[in-house]
N, C-alpha and C. Protein backbone atom coordinates (compact mmCIF):
# COMPACT_ATOMS: atom_id res chain seq x y z
N MET A 1 133.03 104.13 102.61
CA MET A 1 132.55 105.27 101.84
C MET A 1 131.19 105.71 102.38
N SER A 2 131.01 106.98 102.54
CA SER A 2 129.77 107.53 103.04
C SER A 2 128.79 107.76 101.89
N SER A 3 127.54 107.69 102.19
CA SER A 3 126.51 107.95 101.18
C SER A 3 125.34 108.65 101.84
N VAL A 4 124.44 109.15 101.01
CA VAL A 4 123.24 109.84 101.49
C VAL A 4 122.04 108.95 101.20
N VAL A 5 121.25 108.68 102.24
CA VAL A 5 120.02 107.91 102.08
C VAL A 5 118.86 108.88 102.19
N VAL A 6 117.95 108.79 101.22
CA VAL A 6 116.80 109.69 101.18
C VAL A 6 115.54 108.85 100.98
N PHE A 7 114.50 109.17 101.75
CA PHE A 7 113.20 108.58 101.52
C PHE A 7 112.33 109.62 100.84
N LEU A 8 111.77 109.25 99.71
CA LEU A 8 110.88 110.13 98.97
C LEU A 8 109.47 109.55 99.05
N SER A 9 108.54 110.36 99.47
CA SER A 9 107.15 109.92 99.52
C SER A 9 106.31 110.93 98.77
N GLY A 10 105.23 110.43 98.18
CA GLY A 10 104.41 111.37 97.43
C GLY A 10 103.18 110.75 96.83
N SER A 11 102.60 111.51 95.92
CA SER A 11 101.35 111.09 95.29
C SER A 11 101.53 111.03 93.78
N LEU A 12 100.64 110.30 93.17
CA LEU A 12 100.61 110.19 91.71
C LEU A 12 99.35 110.84 91.19
N GLU A 13 99.44 111.43 90.01
CA GLU A 13 98.28 111.99 89.34
C GLU A 13 97.91 111.04 88.22
N VAL A 14 97.05 110.08 88.54
CA VAL A 14 96.67 109.05 87.58
C VAL A 14 95.15 108.86 87.58
N ARG A 15 94.68 108.37 86.46
CA ARG A 15 93.25 108.05 86.33
C ARG A 15 93.05 106.60 85.90
N LYS A 16 94.11 105.97 85.40
CA LYS A 16 94.02 104.61 84.91
C LYS A 16 95.19 103.79 85.43
N PHE A 17 94.98 102.47 85.54
CA PHE A 17 96.04 101.58 86.00
C PHE A 17 97.26 101.66 85.11
N ASP A 18 97.07 101.81 83.80
CA ASP A 18 98.21 101.90 82.87
C ASP A 18 99.16 103.02 83.26
N GLN A 19 98.63 104.11 83.77
CA GLN A 19 99.47 105.24 84.18
C GLN A 19 100.30 104.89 85.42
N ILE A 20 99.73 104.13 86.33
CA ILE A 20 100.49 103.66 87.50
C ILE A 20 101.62 102.76 87.04
N GLN A 21 101.33 101.89 86.09
CA GLN A 21 102.34 100.97 85.57
C GLN A 21 103.47 101.73 84.90
N GLU A 22 103.17 102.84 84.22
CA GLU A 22 104.21 103.67 83.60
C GLU A 22 105.16 104.20 84.68
N PHE A 23 104.61 104.62 85.81
CA PHE A 23 105.44 105.10 86.92
C PHE A 23 106.33 103.97 87.43
N TYR A 24 105.74 102.79 87.67
CA TYR A 24 106.50 101.64 88.16
C TYR A 24 107.62 101.27 87.19
N ASP A 25 107.32 101.23 85.91
CA ASP A 25 108.32 100.88 84.90
C ASP A 25 109.48 101.86 84.90
N ALA A 26 109.18 103.15 85.05
CA ALA A 26 110.23 104.17 85.09
C ALA A 26 111.09 104.01 86.34
N VAL A 27 110.46 103.73 87.48
CA VAL A 27 111.18 103.54 88.74
C VAL A 27 112.14 102.36 88.64
N GLU A 28 111.69 101.28 88.02
CA GLU A 28 112.51 100.07 87.86
C GLU A 28 113.84 100.34 87.15
N LYS A 29 113.86 101.34 86.29
CA LYS A 29 115.04 101.62 85.46
C LYS A 29 116.07 102.52 86.15
N ILE A 30 115.76 103.01 87.34
CA ILE A 30 116.64 103.97 88.03
C ILE A 30 117.43 103.25 89.12
N PRO A 31 118.73 103.06 88.94
CA PRO A 31 119.52 102.27 89.89
C PRO A 31 119.64 102.89 91.28
N GLU A 32 119.54 104.19 91.40
CA GLU A 32 119.66 104.84 92.72
C GLU A 32 118.45 104.54 93.61
N ILE A 33 117.33 104.14 93.00
CA ILE A 33 116.15 103.78 93.78
C ILE A 33 116.32 102.33 94.22
N MET A 34 116.55 102.16 95.51
CA MET A 34 116.82 100.83 96.06
C MET A 34 115.53 100.06 96.36
N GLU A 35 114.50 100.77 96.78
CA GLU A 35 113.24 100.15 97.15
C GLU A 35 112.10 101.07 96.74
N CYS A 36 110.97 100.46 96.38
CA CYS A 36 109.77 101.22 96.03
C CYS A 36 108.57 100.47 96.60
N TYR A 37 107.72 101.19 97.31
CA TYR A 37 106.54 100.60 97.93
C TYR A 37 105.29 101.38 97.52
N LEU A 38 104.24 100.65 97.19
CA LEU A 38 102.91 101.23 97.00
C LEU A 38 102.31 101.36 98.39
N MET A 39 101.77 102.53 98.70
CA MET A 39 101.29 102.79 100.06
C MET A 39 99.80 103.14 100.03
N ASN A 40 99.18 103.00 101.19
CA ASN A 40 97.83 103.54 101.33
C ASN A 40 97.92 104.76 102.23
N GLY A 41 96.84 105.48 102.36
CA GLY A 41 96.86 106.65 103.21
C GLY A 41 97.28 107.90 102.45
N GLU A 42 98.00 108.76 103.12
CA GLU A 42 98.36 110.07 102.58
C GLU A 42 99.28 109.98 101.36
N ASN A 43 100.17 108.98 101.32
CA ASN A 43 101.13 108.84 100.23
C ASN A 43 100.78 107.65 99.36
N ASP A 44 100.99 107.81 98.05
CA ASP A 44 100.78 106.70 97.10
C ASP A 44 101.99 105.79 97.02
N PHE A 45 103.19 106.35 97.28
CA PHE A 45 104.41 105.56 97.16
C PHE A 45 105.47 106.05 98.13
N LEU A 46 106.43 105.15 98.38
CA LEU A 46 107.60 105.47 99.19
C LEU A 46 108.81 104.90 98.47
N LEU A 47 109.82 105.73 98.24
CA LEU A 47 111.05 105.31 97.58
C LEU A 47 112.21 105.44 98.55
N LYS A 48 113.10 104.46 98.54
CA LYS A 48 114.36 104.57 99.28
C LYS A 48 115.45 104.79 98.24
N VAL A 49 116.16 105.89 98.36
CA VAL A 49 117.17 106.29 97.39
C VAL A 49 118.52 106.39 98.09
N ILE A 50 119.57 105.92 97.42
CA ILE A 50 120.93 106.08 97.94
C ILE A 50 121.78 106.73 96.85
N VAL A 51 122.44 107.81 97.23
CA VAL A 51 123.33 108.53 96.33
C VAL A 51 124.64 108.83 97.05
N LYS A 52 125.63 109.25 96.29
CA LYS A 52 126.97 109.48 96.83
C LYS A 52 127.02 110.66 97.80
N ASP A 53 126.39 111.78 97.43
CA ASP A 53 126.45 112.98 98.25
C ASP A 53 125.31 113.91 97.84
N LEU A 54 125.25 115.10 98.44
CA LEU A 54 124.17 116.03 98.14
C LEU A 54 124.22 116.57 96.72
N VAL A 55 125.40 116.73 96.19
CA VAL A 55 125.53 117.17 94.79
C VAL A 55 124.95 116.10 93.87
N ALA A 56 125.27 114.84 94.14
CA ALA A 56 124.72 113.73 93.36
C ALA A 56 123.20 113.67 93.50
N TYR A 57 122.69 113.97 94.70
CA TYR A 57 121.24 113.97 94.89
C TYR A 57 120.58 115.06 94.05
N HIS A 58 121.18 116.22 94.01
CA HIS A 58 120.63 117.31 93.21
C HIS A 58 120.54 116.90 91.73
N VAL A 59 121.60 116.32 91.21
CA VAL A 59 121.61 115.85 89.82
C VAL A 59 120.58 114.75 89.63
N PHE A 60 120.56 113.77 90.53
CA PHE A 60 119.60 112.68 90.48
C PHE A 60 118.17 113.20 90.47
N TYR A 61 117.87 114.11 91.38
CA TYR A 61 116.51 114.64 91.50
C TYR A 61 116.09 115.37 90.23
N SER A 62 116.95 116.25 89.75
CA SER A 62 116.57 117.06 88.59
C SER A 62 116.54 116.27 87.29
N GLN A 63 117.37 115.25 87.16
CA GLN A 63 117.43 114.50 85.91
C GLN A 63 116.58 113.23 85.90
N LYS A 64 116.29 112.69 87.07
CA LYS A 64 115.55 111.41 87.10
C LYS A 64 114.21 111.52 87.81
N ILE A 65 114.20 111.99 89.03
CA ILE A 65 112.94 112.06 89.78
C ILE A 65 111.97 113.04 89.14
N ALA A 66 112.45 114.21 88.78
CA ALA A 66 111.57 115.23 88.20
C ALA A 66 110.97 114.80 86.86
N THR A 67 111.53 113.78 86.25
CA THR A 67 111.02 113.34 84.95
C THR A 67 110.12 112.10 85.05
N LEU A 68 109.89 111.60 86.27
CA LEU A 68 109.02 110.44 86.43
C LEU A 68 107.60 110.77 85.96
N PRO A 69 106.97 109.84 85.25
CA PRO A 69 105.62 110.12 84.74
C PRO A 69 104.57 110.14 85.85
N HIS A 70 103.62 111.04 85.72
CA HIS A 70 102.43 111.13 86.58
C HIS A 70 102.75 111.46 88.03
N LEU A 71 103.87 112.12 88.24
CA LEU A 71 104.29 112.49 89.59
C LEU A 71 103.47 113.68 90.07
N GLY A 72 102.91 113.55 91.27
CA GLY A 72 102.17 114.65 91.90
C GLY A 72 103.06 115.31 92.92
N GLN A 73 102.57 115.42 94.15
CA GLN A 73 103.35 116.01 95.22
C GLN A 73 104.46 115.05 95.64
N LEU A 74 105.55 115.63 96.13
CA LEU A 74 106.70 114.83 96.52
C LEU A 74 107.38 115.46 97.73
N ARG A 75 107.77 114.62 98.69
CA ARG A 75 108.50 115.07 99.87
C ARG A 75 109.76 114.23 100.04
N SER A 76 110.84 114.89 100.39
CA SER A 76 112.12 114.21 100.61
C SER A 76 112.47 114.28 102.08
N SER A 77 112.92 113.14 102.63
CA SER A 77 113.41 113.09 104.01
C SER A 77 114.79 112.47 104.00
N PHE A 78 115.77 113.21 104.49
CA PHE A 78 117.15 112.75 104.50
C PHE A 78 117.45 112.01 105.81
N VAL A 79 118.08 110.86 105.72
CA VAL A 79 118.45 110.08 106.88
C VAL A 79 119.65 110.73 107.56
N LEU A 80 119.51 111.01 108.84
CA LEU A 80 120.60 111.60 109.62
C LEU A 80 121.45 110.54 110.30
N ASN A 81 120.78 109.47 110.75
CA ASN A 81 121.49 108.40 111.44
C ASN A 81 120.68 107.11 111.30
N GLU A 82 121.34 106.04 110.91
CA GLU A 82 120.67 104.74 110.82
C GLU A 82 120.76 104.06 112.16
N VAL A 83 119.64 103.87 112.81
CA VAL A 83 119.60 103.29 114.14
C VAL A 83 119.60 101.77 114.06
N LYS A 84 118.84 101.20 113.13
CA LYS A 84 118.78 99.75 112.99
C LYS A 84 118.48 99.40 111.54
N GLN A 85 119.18 98.39 111.05
CA GLN A 85 118.89 97.83 109.74
C GLN A 85 119.11 96.33 109.83
N SER A 86 118.13 95.58 109.39
CA SER A 86 118.23 94.12 109.46
C SER A 86 117.54 93.49 108.26
N THR A 87 118.04 92.37 107.85
CA THR A 87 117.37 91.59 106.80
C THR A 87 116.86 90.27 107.34
N VAL A 88 117.02 90.07 108.65
CA VAL A 88 116.56 88.85 109.30
C VAL A 88 115.06 88.98 109.57
N LEU A 89 114.29 88.02 109.08
CA LEU A 89 112.86 88.05 109.30
C LEU A 89 112.53 87.66 110.75
N PRO A 90 111.54 88.31 111.36
CA PRO A 90 111.25 88.08 112.78
C PRO A 90 110.40 86.84 113.05
N PHE A 91 110.29 85.95 112.10
CA PHE A 91 109.54 84.72 112.31
C PHE A 91 110.33 83.55 111.75
N PHE A 92 109.99 82.34 112.17
CA PHE A 92 110.74 81.15 111.72
C PHE A 92 109.81 80.03 111.37
């Protein structure tokens, strides 16, 4: 079965740690979000999302992502081809 992988990166509009935690708690409840990372630099967070197709992404975005608390700017990048994926750690 084919699926659509999307990376969402963006910023949060927060003034207190409690507000960041509200964002994290909301992200935890969304099954389509496979991974979430706190970032430094230009983006505050990076999300890896997997959905069935573009129609499902539209529904997901409008019903779940758009309702996340304290969301600022957001950018979506769609995966065109997966070149490498591994879960093996490079050290022993």
